[in-house]
Amino acid sequence: MKATGIVRRIDDLGRVVIPKEIRRTMRIREGESLEIYTDSGGEVIFKKYSPIGELDPCSSQYAEILARTTGFPALICDRDHVVAVSGVAKRDYLDRRITPEMEGMMDMRTPYTAQSASGEKIFPVEGAQLAAACVFPIISAGDLNGAVVLLAREDGSLPGEWQMKPAEAAAGFLGSQIEQ
């Protein structure tokens, strides 16, 4: 754990203000949920809550099936990190932060396909070699929770319509699982 040197008082309603610099660095947005943990040493830890992270076994299996079915590498992301990956080296993608471009594209809540883009590539993870071929947002109860991503192959080939349909279905399925 890293000390910030910032000290805040609890107000009469039990609230603590998380400083703007920390919210910006940790990408904590207004209205987002935080999980609260405590330990026996008296520490209180706030962690961003990820509904997609709660579906980890399901999302990992889904990424694996998507990669096998479509023949393209598959990622499943929450709003900040990659939570499941298949078809590429996990160390290059798993638990890595998504790029601001990917975050902005997800915030639009509309599907993205490289064929429909104006020549601009979206790289979902900083430092990653492969660009996103298609991105389908995971939406549940009107809230954006993440995205299902198929990556372009190393040779630059992109998935066809029939290969993108399972990714779109995966986003719908994961969104419905969060609602339950």
N, C-alpha and C. Protein backbone atom coordinates (compact mmCIF):
# COMPACT_ATOMS: atom_id res chain seq x y z
N MET A 1 0.85 -1.17 0.00
CA MET A 1 0.00 0.00 0.00
C MET A 1 0.89 1.23 0.00
N LYS A 2 0.44 2.27 -0.68
CA LYS A 2 1.23 3.48 -0.85
C LYS A 2 0.59 4.63 -0.07
N ALA A 3 1.38 5.30 0.76
CA ALA A 3 0.88 6.44 1.51
C ALA A 3 0.84 7.68 0.61
N THR A 4 -0.23 8.46 0.72
CA THR A 4 -0.36 9.67 -0.10
C THR A 4 0.00 10.92 0.68
N GLY A 5 -0.04 10.86 2.00
CA GLY A 5 0.22 12.04 2.82
C GLY A 5 -0.99 12.93 2.96
N ILE A 6 -2.12 12.50 2.40
CA ILE A 6 -3.35 13.29 2.48
C ILE A 6 -4.17 12.80 3.67
N VAL A 7 -4.64 13.73 4.48
CA VAL A 7 -5.46 13.39 5.65
C VAL A 7 -6.79 14.09 5.51
N ARG A 8 -7.87 13.38 5.75
CA ARG A 8 -9.22 13.96 5.68
C ARG A 8 -9.98 13.61 6.96
N ARG A 9 -10.83 14.53 7.39
CA ARG A 9 -11.69 14.28 8.55
C ARG A 9 -13.02 13.70 8.09
N ILE A 10 -13.63 12.92 8.96
CA ILE A 10 -14.97 12.39 8.71
C ILE A 10 -15.95 13.46 9.20
N ASP A 11 -16.94 13.80 8.37
CA ASP A 11 -17.91 14.83 8.78
C ASP A 11 -18.97 14.22 9.70
N ASP A 12 -19.92 15.05 10.15
CA ASP A 12 -20.93 14.60 11.11
C ASP A 12 -21.88 13.56 10.53
N LEU A 13 -21.90 13.36 9.20
CA LEU A 13 -22.73 12.34 8.58
C LEU A 13 -21.92 11.08 8.23
N GLY A 14 -20.65 11.04 8.65
CA GLY A 14 -19.81 9.87 8.41
C GLY A 14 -19.17 9.84 7.04
N ARG A 15 -19.14 10.97 6.34
CA ARG A 15 -18.58 11.01 4.98
C ARG A 15 -17.12 11.42 5.00
N VAL A 16 -16.40 10.89 4.00
CA VAL A 16 -15.01 11.27 3.77
C VAL A 16 -14.89 11.67 2.30
N VAL A 17 -14.23 12.77 2.03
CA VAL A 17 -14.04 13.21 0.65
C VAL A 17 -12.76 12.58 0.11
N ILE A 18 -12.87 11.92 -1.03
CA ILE A 18 -11.70 11.39 -1.70
C ILE A 18 -11.17 12.51 -2.59
N PRO A 19 -9.91 12.91 -2.39
CA PRO A 19 -9.38 14.05 -3.13
C PRO A 19 -9.45 13.86 -4.64
N LYS A 20 -9.64 14.98 -5.35
CA LYS A 20 -9.79 14.98 -6.80
C LYS A 20 -8.61 14.31 -7.50
N GLU A 21 -7.40 14.55 -7.01
CA GLU A 21 -6.21 13.96 -7.63
C GLU A 21 -6.26 12.44 -7.58
N ILE A 22 -6.70 11.89 -6.47
CA ILE A 22 -6.80 10.44 -6.33
C ILE A 22 -7.94 9.91 -7.20
N ARG A 23 -9.08 10.61 -7.22
CA ARG A 23 -10.19 10.17 -8.08
C ARG A 23 -9.77 10.17 -9.54
N ARG A 24 -9.02 11.17 -9.97
CA ARG A 24 -8.56 11.23 -11.36
C ARG A 24 -7.56 10.11 -11.65
N THR A 25 -6.59 9.92 -10.79
CA THR A 25 -5.58 8.89 -10.98
C THR A 25 -6.19 7.49 -11.00
N MET A 26 -7.14 7.25 -10.12
CA MET A 26 -7.76 5.93 -10.01
C MET A 26 -9.00 5.77 -10.90
N ARG A 27 -9.29 6.82 -11.68
CA ARG A 27 -10.45 6.82 -12.59
C ARG A 27 -11.76 6.53 -11.85
N ILE A 28 -11.93 7.17 -10.72
CA ILE A 28 -13.17 7.03 -9.95
C ILE A 28 -14.10 8.16 -10.40
N ARG A 29 -15.23 7.78 -10.97
CA ARG A 29 -16.19 8.76 -11.49
C ARG A 29 -17.33 8.96 -10.50
N GLU A 30 -17.97 10.09 -10.63
CA GLU A 30 -19.14 10.38 -9.80
C GLU A 30 -20.19 9.30 -10.01
N GLY A 31 -20.75 8.80 -8.93
CA GLY A 31 -21.80 7.79 -9.01
C GLY A 31 -21.29 6.36 -9.03
N GLU A 32 -19.97 6.15 -9.15
CA GLU A 32 -19.45 4.78 -9.16
C GLU A 32 -19.50 4.17 -7.77
N SER A 33 -19.55 2.87 -7.73
CA SER A 33 -19.59 2.15 -6.46
C SER A 33 -18.20 1.76 -6.02
N LEU A 34 -17.97 1.83 -4.71
CA LEU A 34 -16.72 1.39 -4.12
C LEU A 34 -17.02 0.30 -3.10
N GLU A 35 -16.19 -0.73 -3.07
CA GLU A 35 -16.30 -1.77 -2.04
C GLU A 35 -15.44 -1.32 -0.87
N ILE A 36 -15.88 -1.64 0.33
CA ILE A 36 -15.13 -1.25 1.53
C ILE A 36 -14.66 -2.51 2.22
N TYR A 37 -13.34 -2.58 2.46
CA TYR A 37 -12.73 -3.72 3.14
C TYR A 37 -12.09 -3.22 4.42
N THR A 38 -12.03 -4.07 5.40
CA THR A 38 -11.32 -3.77 6.64
C THR A 38 -10.42 -4.95 6.96
N ASP A 39 -9.37 -4.68 7.73
CA ASP A 39 -8.54 -5.79 8.19
C ASP A 39 -8.33 -5.67 9.69
N SER A 40 -7.71 -6.68 10.26
CA SER A 40 -7.56 -6.73 11.72
C SER A 40 -6.61 -5.65 12.24
N GLY A 41 -5.82 -5.05 11.35
CA GLY A 41 -4.90 -3.99 11.76
C GLY A 41 -5.53 -2.62 11.80
N GLY A 42 -6.85 -2.54 11.54
CA GLY A 42 -7.55 -1.27 11.61
C GLY A 42 -7.56 -0.50 10.30
N GLU A 43 -7.10 -1.10 9.22
CA GLU A 43 -7.11 -0.41 7.94
C GLU A 43 -8.48 -0.52 7.29
N VAL A 44 -8.88 0.57 6.63
CA VAL A 44 -10.09 0.59 5.83
C VAL A 44 -9.63 0.82 4.39
N ILE A 45 -10.05 -0.06 3.50
CA ILE A 45 -9.59 -0.01 2.11
C ILE A 45 -10.81 0.14 1.20
N PHE A 46 -10.74 1.13 0.31
CA PHE A 46 -11.77 1.31 -0.70
C PHE A 46 -11.26 0.72 -2.00
N LYS A 47 -12.10 -0.06 -2.65
CA LYS A 47 -11.74 -0.65 -3.94
C LYS A 47 -12.89 -0.42 -4.90
N LYS A 48 -12.54 -0.04 -6.14
CA LYS A 48 -13.58 0.14 -7.13
C LYS A 48 -14.32 -1.17 -7.33
N TYR A 49 -15.63 -1.09 -7.35
CA TYR A 49 -16.46 -2.28 -7.54
C TYR A 49 -16.63 -2.55 -9.03
N SER A 50 -16.43 -3.80 -9.42
CA SER A 50 -16.58 -4.19 -10.82
C SER A 50 -17.57 -5.34 -10.92
N PRO A 51 -18.78 -5.06 -11.44
CA PRO A 51 -19.75 -6.15 -11.62
C PRO A 51 -19.22 -7.23 -12.55
N ILE A 52 -18.42 -6.84 -13.55
CA ILE A 52 -17.83 -7.82 -14.46
C ILE A 52 -16.84 -8.70 -13.70
N GLY A 53 -16.09 -8.12 -12.79
CA GLY A 53 -15.15 -8.88 -11.97
C GLY A 53 -15.85 -9.94 -11.13
N GLU A 54 -17.09 -9.67 -10.74
CA GLU A 54 -17.86 -10.64 -9.97
C GLU A 54 -18.20 -11.88 -10.81
N LEU A 55 -18.21 -11.72 -12.13
CA LEU A 55 -18.53 -12.81 -13.05
C LEU A 55 -17.27 -13.50 -13.56
N ASP A 56 -16.16 -13.39 -12.86
CA ASP A 56 -14.87 -13.85 -13.37
C ASP A 56 -14.86 -15.26 -13.96
N PRO A 57 -15.35 -16.28 -13.28
CA PRO A 57 -15.31 -17.61 -13.91
C PRO A 57 -16.11 -17.65 -15.22
N CYS A 58 -17.25 -17.00 -15.22
CA CYS A 58 -18.11 -16.98 -16.41
C CYS A 58 -17.44 -16.19 -17.53
N SER A 59 -16.89 -15.01 -17.23
CA SER A 59 -16.28 -14.19 -18.26
C SER A 59 -15.01 -14.83 -18.82
N SER A 60 -14.25 -15.51 -18.00
CA SER A 60 -13.04 -16.19 -18.48
C SER A 60 -13.41 -17.32 -19.45
N GLN A 61 -14.43 -18.08 -19.10
CA GLN A 61 -14.88 -19.15 -19.99
C GLN A 61 -15.44 -18.57 -21.28
N TYR A 62 -16.17 -17.49 -21.17
CA TYR A 62 -16.76 -16.88 -22.36
C TYR A 62 -15.67 -16.37 -23.31
N ALA A 63 -14.61 -15.75 -22.76
CA ALA A 63 -13.51 -15.26 -23.59
C ALA A 63 -12.84 -16.43 -24.31
N GLU A 64 -12.66 -17.53 -23.62
CA GLU A 64 -12.04 -18.71 -24.22
C GLU A 64 -12.90 -19.26 -25.36
N ILE A 65 -14.19 -19.37 -25.13
CA ILE A 65 -15.10 -19.88 -26.16
C ILE A 65 -15.15 -18.93 -27.36
N LEU A 66 -15.17 -17.62 -27.10
CA LEU A 66 -15.18 -16.64 -28.19
C LEU A 66 -13.93 -16.77 -29.06
N ALA A 67 -12.77 -16.89 -28.43
CA ALA A 67 -11.52 -17.00 -29.19
C ALA A 67 -11.50 -18.28 -30.03
N ARG A 68 -11.97 -19.38 -29.44
CA ARG A 68 -12.00 -20.65 -30.19
C ARG A 68 -13.01 -20.60 -31.32
N THR A 69 -14.17 -20.06 -31.07
CA THR A 69 -15.25 -20.03 -32.07
C THR A 69 -14.94 -19.10 -33.24
N THR A 70 -14.43 -17.92 -32.92
CA THR A 70 -14.21 -16.92 -33.97
C THR A 70 -12.84 -17.00 -34.61
N GLY A 71 -11.87 -17.55 -33.88
CA GLY A 71 -10.50 -17.58 -34.39
C GLY A 71 -9.76 -16.26 -34.18
N PHE A 72 -10.35 -15.36 -33.39
CA PHE A 72 -9.73 -14.07 -33.10
C PHE A 72 -9.52 -13.95 -31.59
N PRO A 73 -8.44 -13.29 -31.15
CA PRO A 73 -8.23 -13.07 -29.72
C PRO A 73 -9.40 -12.30 -29.12
N ALA A 74 -9.79 -12.67 -27.90
CA ALA A 74 -10.95 -12.05 -27.24
C ALA A 74 -10.56 -11.50 -25.87
N LEU A 75 -11.10 -10.33 -25.56
CA LEU A 75 -10.92 -9.68 -24.25
C LEU A 75 -12.28 -9.35 -23.68
N ILE A 76 -12.39 -9.42 -22.38
CA ILE A 76 -13.56 -8.90 -21.69
C ILE A 76 -13.04 -7.90 -20.65
N CYS A 77 -13.55 -6.68 -20.72
CA CYS A 77 -13.06 -5.59 -19.87
C CYS A 77 -14.17 -5.08 -18.97
N ASP A 78 -13.78 -4.59 -17.80
CA ASP A 78 -14.72 -3.78 -17.04
C ASP A 78 -14.43 -2.34 -17.49
N ARG A 79 -14.82 -1.36 -16.73
CA ARG A 79 -14.63 0.03 -17.19
C ARG A 79 -13.20 0.51 -17.08
N ASP A 80 -12.33 -0.29 -16.45
CA ASP A 80 -10.95 0.15 -16.24
C ASP A 80 -9.89 -0.85 -16.66
N HIS A 81 -10.18 -2.15 -16.51
CA HIS A 81 -9.16 -3.18 -16.70
C HIS A 81 -9.68 -4.33 -17.55
N VAL A 82 -8.75 -5.10 -18.08
CA VAL A 82 -9.09 -6.34 -18.76
C VAL A 82 -9.27 -7.40 -17.68
N VAL A 83 -10.43 -8.06 -17.66
CA VAL A 83 -10.72 -9.07 -16.63
C VAL A 83 -10.64 -10.49 -17.16
N ALA A 84 -10.69 -10.68 -18.48
CA ALA A 84 -10.58 -12.01 -19.07
C ALA A 84 -9.97 -11.88 -20.45
N VAL A 85 -9.15 -12.87 -20.83
CA VAL A 85 -8.47 -12.83 -22.12
C VAL A 85 -8.24 -14.25 -22.61
N SER A 86 -8.31 -14.42 -23.93
CA SER A 86 -8.01 -15.70 -24.55
C SER A 86 -7.53 -15.46 -25.98
N GLY A 87 -6.61 -16.29 -26.43
CA GLY A 87 -6.11 -16.20 -27.80
C GLY A 87 -4.84 -15.39 -27.95
N VAL A 88 -4.39 -14.75 -26.88
CA VAL A 88 -3.12 -14.02 -26.85
C VAL A 88 -2.48 -14.25 -25.49
N ALA A 89 -1.24 -13.83 -25.34
CA ALA A 89 -0.53 -14.00 -24.07
C ALA A 89 -1.23 -13.21 -22.96
N LYS A 90 -1.65 -13.92 -21.94
CA LYS A 90 -2.39 -13.27 -20.85
C LYS A 90 -1.58 -12.19 -20.17
N ARG A 91 -0.28 -12.40 -20.05
CA ARG A 91 0.56 -11.41 -19.36
C ARG A 91 0.55 -10.05 -20.05
N ASP A 92 0.25 -10.04 -21.36
CA ASP A 92 0.21 -8.79 -22.11
C ASP A 92 -1.10 -8.03 -21.95
N TYR A 93 -2.14 -8.69 -21.45
CA TYR A 93 -3.47 -8.06 -21.41
C TYR A 93 -4.17 -8.16 -20.05
N LEU A 94 -4.13 -9.31 -19.41
CA LEU A 94 -4.92 -9.55 -18.20
C LEU A 94 -4.56 -8.57 -17.08
N ASP A 95 -5.58 -7.98 -16.47
CA ASP A 95 -5.45 -7.02 -15.37
C ASP A 95 -4.77 -5.71 -15.76
N ARG A 96 -4.56 -5.49 -17.03
CA ARG A 96 -3.95 -4.24 -17.48
C ARG A 96 -5.04 -3.19 -17.69
N ARG A 97 -4.69 -1.95 -17.50
CA ARG A 97 -5.62 -0.84 -17.68
C ARG A 97 -5.96 -0.64 -19.14
N ILE A 98 -7.21 -0.27 -19.39
CA ILE A 98 -7.59 0.06 -20.76
C ILE A 98 -7.12 1.47 -21.07
N THR A 99 -6.98 1.77 -22.36
CA THR A 99 -6.50 3.09 -22.78
C THR A 99 -7.62 4.13 -22.67
N PRO A 100 -7.26 5.39 -22.58
CA PRO A 100 -8.29 6.44 -22.57
C PRO A 100 -9.15 6.41 -23.84
N GLU A 101 -8.56 6.04 -24.99
CA GLU A 101 -9.33 5.95 -26.24
C GLU A 101 -10.39 4.86 -26.14
N MET A 102 -10.01 3.73 -25.56
CA MET A 102 -10.95 2.62 -25.38
C MET A 102 -12.05 3.04 -24.39
N GLU A 103 -11.65 3.72 -23.33
CA GLU A 103 -12.61 4.18 -22.33
C GLU A 103 -13.61 5.15 -22.97
N GLY A 104 -13.12 6.08 -23.79
CA GLY A 104 -14.00 7.03 -24.47
C GLY A 104 -14.94 6.35 -25.43
N MET A 105 -14.43 5.35 -26.15
CA MET A 105 -15.26 4.62 -27.10
C MET A 105 -16.36 3.85 -26.35
N MET A 106 -16.01 3.25 -25.22
CA MET A 106 -17.01 2.53 -24.42
C MET A 106 -18.07 3.49 -23.89
N ASP A 107 -17.65 4.67 -23.49
CA ASP A 107 -18.60 5.66 -22.95
C ASP A 107 -19.66 6.07 -23.97
N MET A 108 -19.37 5.91 -25.26
CA MET A 108 -20.36 6.23 -26.30
C MET A 108 -21.48 5.18 -26.32
N ARG A 109 -21.23 4.01 -25.73
CA ARG A 109 -22.23 2.95 -25.59
C ARG A 109 -22.73 2.40 -26.92
N THR A 110 -21.96 2.56 -27.97
CA THR A 110 -22.35 2.00 -29.26
C THR A 110 -21.27 1.03 -29.72
N PRO A 111 -21.65 0.00 -30.46
CA PRO A 111 -20.65 -0.94 -30.95
C PRO A 111 -19.65 -0.25 -31.89
N TYR A 112 -18.43 -0.74 -31.86
CA TYR A 112 -17.37 -0.23 -32.73
C TYR A 112 -16.87 -1.40 -33.58
N THR A 113 -16.69 -1.17 -34.86
CA THR A 113 -16.03 -2.14 -35.72
C THR A 113 -14.97 -1.41 -36.51
N ALA A 114 -13.83 -2.06 -36.68
CA ALA A 114 -12.72 -1.44 -37.40
C ALA A 114 -13.09 -1.14 -38.85
N GLN A 115 -14.00 -1.95 -39.43
CA GLN A 115 -14.42 -1.71 -40.82
C GLN A 115 -15.16 -0.39 -40.95
N SER A 116 -15.94 -0.02 -39.91
CA SER A 116 -16.74 1.20 -40.00
C SER A 116 -15.98 2.43 -39.52
N ALA A 117 -14.81 2.23 -38.95
CA ALA A 117 -14.04 3.36 -38.42
C ALA A 117 -13.33 4.09 -39.56
N SER A 118 -13.00 5.32 -39.33
CA SER A 118 -12.37 6.15 -40.37
C SER A 118 -10.85 5.98 -40.35
N GLY A 119 -10.38 4.75 -40.50
CA GLY A 119 -8.96 4.49 -40.55
C GLY A 119 -8.25 4.60 -39.22
N GLU A 120 -8.94 4.98 -38.18
CA GLU A 120 -8.34 5.17 -36.88
C GLU A 120 -8.43 3.86 -36.09
N LYS A 121 -7.30 3.42 -35.55
CA LYS A 121 -7.26 2.18 -34.77
C LYS A 121 -7.42 2.49 -33.29
N ILE A 122 -8.13 1.60 -32.61
CA ILE A 122 -8.25 1.72 -31.16
C ILE A 122 -7.47 0.57 -30.55
N PHE A 123 -6.50 0.90 -29.72
CA PHE A 123 -5.74 -0.10 -28.99
C PHE A 123 -6.34 -0.17 -27.59
N PRO A 124 -6.90 -1.32 -27.22
CA PRO A 124 -7.62 -1.39 -25.95
C PRO A 124 -6.73 -1.32 -24.71
N VAL A 125 -5.47 -1.76 -24.84
CA VAL A 125 -4.57 -1.79 -23.69
C VAL A 125 -3.28 -1.07 -24.06
N GLU A 126 -2.80 -0.22 -23.17
CA GLU A 126 -1.58 0.52 -23.45
C GLU A 126 -0.41 -0.44 -23.66
N GLY A 127 0.35 -0.19 -24.70
CA GLY A 127 1.51 -1.01 -25.01
C GLY A 127 1.18 -2.30 -25.75
N ALA A 128 -0.09 -2.55 -25.99
CA ALA A 128 -0.49 -3.77 -26.68
C ALA A 128 -0.21 -3.64 -28.17
N GLN A 129 0.10 -4.75 -28.80
CA GLN A 129 0.44 -4.75 -30.22
C GLN A 129 -0.78 -4.84 -31.12
N LEU A 130 -1.87 -5.43 -30.63
CA LEU A 130 -3.04 -5.68 -31.47
C LEU A 130 -4.14 -4.65 -31.23
N ALA A 131 -4.72 -4.17 -32.32
CA ALA A 131 -5.81 -3.19 -32.25
C ALA A 131 -7.14 -3.91 -32.09
N ALA A 132 -8.13 -3.20 -31.63
CA ALA A 132 -9.48 -3.74 -31.50
C ALA A 132 -10.09 -3.87 -32.89
N ALA A 133 -10.66 -5.04 -33.18
CA ALA A 133 -11.37 -5.25 -34.44
C ALA A 133 -12.84 -4.89 -34.26
N CYS A 134 -13.39 -5.25 -33.09
CA CYS A 134 -14.76 -4.86 -32.75
C CYS A 134 -14.90 -4.79 -31.24
N VAL A 135 -15.77 -3.90 -30.79
CA VAL A 135 -16.01 -3.69 -29.36
C VAL A 135 -17.51 -3.59 -29.17
N PHE A 136 -18.03 -4.39 -28.24
CA PHE A 136 -19.45 -4.34 -27.92
C PHE A 136 -19.60 -4.02 -26.43
N PRO A 137 -20.24 -2.89 -26.11
CA PRO A 137 -20.39 -2.51 -24.70
C PRO A 137 -21.29 -3.49 -23.94
N ILE A 138 -20.95 -3.71 -22.68
CA ILE A 138 -21.77 -4.53 -21.78
C ILE A 138 -22.61 -3.56 -20.97
N ILE A 139 -23.91 -3.59 -21.20
CA ILE A 139 -24.83 -2.67 -20.53
C ILE A 139 -25.86 -3.47 -19.77
N SER A 140 -26.07 -3.10 -18.51
CA SER A 140 -27.12 -3.73 -17.72
C SER A 140 -27.85 -2.66 -16.92
N ALA A 141 -29.17 -2.74 -16.94
CA ALA A 141 -30.02 -1.77 -16.24
C ALA A 141 -29.64 -0.34 -16.61
N GLY A 142 -29.24 -0.11 -17.86
CA GLY A 142 -28.88 1.21 -18.33
C GLY A 142 -27.48 1.66 -17.98
N ASP A 143 -26.72 0.86 -17.22
CA ASP A 143 -25.37 1.23 -16.81
C ASP A 143 -24.33 0.54 -17.68
N LEU A 144 -23.30 1.28 -18.06
CA LEU A 144 -22.17 0.71 -18.79
C LEU A 144 -21.28 -0.01 -17.78
N ASN A 145 -21.02 -1.29 -18.03
CA ASN A 145 -20.19 -2.07 -17.10
C ASN A 145 -18.88 -2.53 -17.69
N GLY A 146 -18.73 -2.48 -19.01
CA GLY A 146 -17.51 -2.95 -19.63
C GLY A 146 -17.73 -3.19 -21.10
N ALA A 147 -16.91 -4.10 -21.67
CA ALA A 147 -17.02 -4.38 -23.10
C ALA A 147 -16.44 -5.74 -23.43
N VAL A 148 -16.95 -6.31 -24.52
CA VAL A 148 -16.39 -7.52 -25.12
C VAL A 148 -15.65 -7.06 -26.36
N VAL A 149 -14.40 -7.50 -26.50
CA VAL A 149 -13.54 -7.03 -27.57
C VAL A 149 -12.96 -8.22 -28.34
N LEU A 150 -13.03 -8.16 -29.66
CA LEU A 150 -12.26 -9.07 -30.50
C LEU A 150 -11.12 -8.25 -31.07
N LEU A 151 -9.91 -8.80 -30.99
CA LEU A 151 -8.74 -8.10 -31.51
C LEU A 151 -8.46 -8.53 -32.95
N ALA A 152 -7.83 -7.66 -33.71
CA ALA A 152 -7.36 -8.02 -35.04
C ALA A 152 -6.24 -9.04 -34.88
N ARG A 153 -6.07 -9.88 -35.87
CA ARG A 153 -4.97 -10.85 -35.84
C ARG A 153 -3.64 -10.13 -36.10
N GLU A 154 -2.55 -10.82 -35.84
CA GLU A 154 -1.23 -10.23 -36.06
C GLU A 154 -1.00 -9.84 -37.52
N ASP A 155 -1.63 -10.58 -38.45
CA ASP A 155 -1.48 -10.25 -39.87
C ASP A 155 -2.40 -9.10 -40.30
N GLY A 156 -3.14 -8.54 -39.35
CA GLY A 156 -4.03 -7.41 -39.63
C GLY A 156 -5.42 -7.79 -40.09
N SER A 157 -5.69 -9.09 -40.24
CA SER A 157 -7.03 -9.50 -40.70
C SER A 157 -8.08 -9.22 -39.63
N LEU A 158 -9.27 -8.92 -40.09
CA LEU A 158 -10.38 -8.54 -39.23
C LEU A 158 -11.49 -9.59 -39.30
N PRO A 159 -12.29 -9.71 -38.26
CA PRO A 159 -13.39 -10.68 -38.30
C PRO A 159 -14.50 -10.24 -39.25
N GLY A 160 -15.18 -11.23 -39.80
CA GLY A 160 -16.34 -10.95 -40.63
C GLY A 160 -17.58 -10.80 -39.76
N GLU A 161 -18.70 -10.51 -40.41
CA GLU A 161 -19.97 -10.30 -39.70
C GLU A 161 -20.33 -11.50 -38.82
N TRP A 162 -20.18 -12.71 -39.37
CA TRP A 162 -20.56 -13.92 -38.61
C TRP A 162 -19.67 -14.13 -37.40
N GLN A 163 -18.43 -13.61 -37.43
CA GLN A 163 -17.52 -13.76 -36.29
C GLN A 163 -17.79 -12.70 -35.21
N MET A 164 -18.38 -11.58 -35.62
CA MET A 164 -18.68 -10.53 -34.64
C MET A 164 -19.97 -10.80 -33.87
N LYS A 165 -20.88 -11.55 -34.47
CA LYS A 165 -22.17 -11.84 -33.81
C LYS A 165 -21.99 -12.52 -32.45
N PRO A 166 -21.09 -13.53 -32.31
CA PRO A 166 -20.92 -14.13 -30.98
C PRO A 166 -20.40 -13.14 -29.94
N ALA A 167 -19.57 -12.18 -30.35
CA ALA A 167 -19.07 -11.16 -29.41
C ALA A 167 -20.21 -10.25 -28.97
N GLU A 168 -21.07 -9.90 -29.90
CA GLU A 168 -22.24 -9.08 -29.57
C GLU A 168 -23.16 -9.83 -28.61
N ALA A 169 -23.35 -11.13 -28.88
CA ALA A 169 -24.18 -11.96 -27.99
C ALA A 169 -23.56 -12.07 -26.61
N ALA A 170 -22.23 -12.18 -26.56
CA ALA A 170 -21.54 -12.27 -25.26
C ALA A 170 -21.77 -11.02 -24.43
N ALA A 171 -21.72 -9.85 -25.07
CA ALA A 171 -21.97 -8.60 -24.34
C ALA A 171 -23.39 -8.58 -23.78
N GLY A 172 -24.35 -9.01 -24.58
CA GLY A 172 -25.74 -9.07 -24.10
C GLY A 172 -25.91 -10.07 -22.97
N PHE A 173 -25.27 -11.23 -23.10
CA PHE A 173 -25.37 -12.26 -22.07
C PHE A 173 -24.75 -11.79 -20.76
N LEU A 174 -23.55 -11.22 -20.82
CA LEU A 174 -22.89 -10.76 -19.59
C LEU A 174 -23.69 -9.64 -18.94
N GLY A 175 -24.27 -8.75 -19.75
CA GLY A 175 -25.13 -7.69 -19.20
C GLY A 175 -26.33 -8.26 -18.47
N SER A 176 -26.94 -9.32 -19.03
CA SER A 176 -28.09 -9.92 -18.36
C SER A 176 -27.68 -10.67 -17.10
N GLN A 177 -26.46 -11.23 -17.07
CA GLN A 177 -25.96 -11.92 -15.87
C GLN A 177 -25.74 -10.95 -14.72
N ILE A 178 -25.32 -9.74 -15.04
CA ILE A 178 -25.10 -8.73 -14.00
C ILE A 178 -26.43 -8.33 -13.38
N GLU A 179 -27.49 -8.28 -14.19
CA GLU A 179 -28.80 -7.88 -13.69
C GLU A 179 -29.39 -8.90 -12.73
N GLN A 180 -28.95 -10.15 -12.83
CA GLN A 180 -29.54 -11.21 -11.97
C GLN A 180 -28.93 -11.26 -10.61
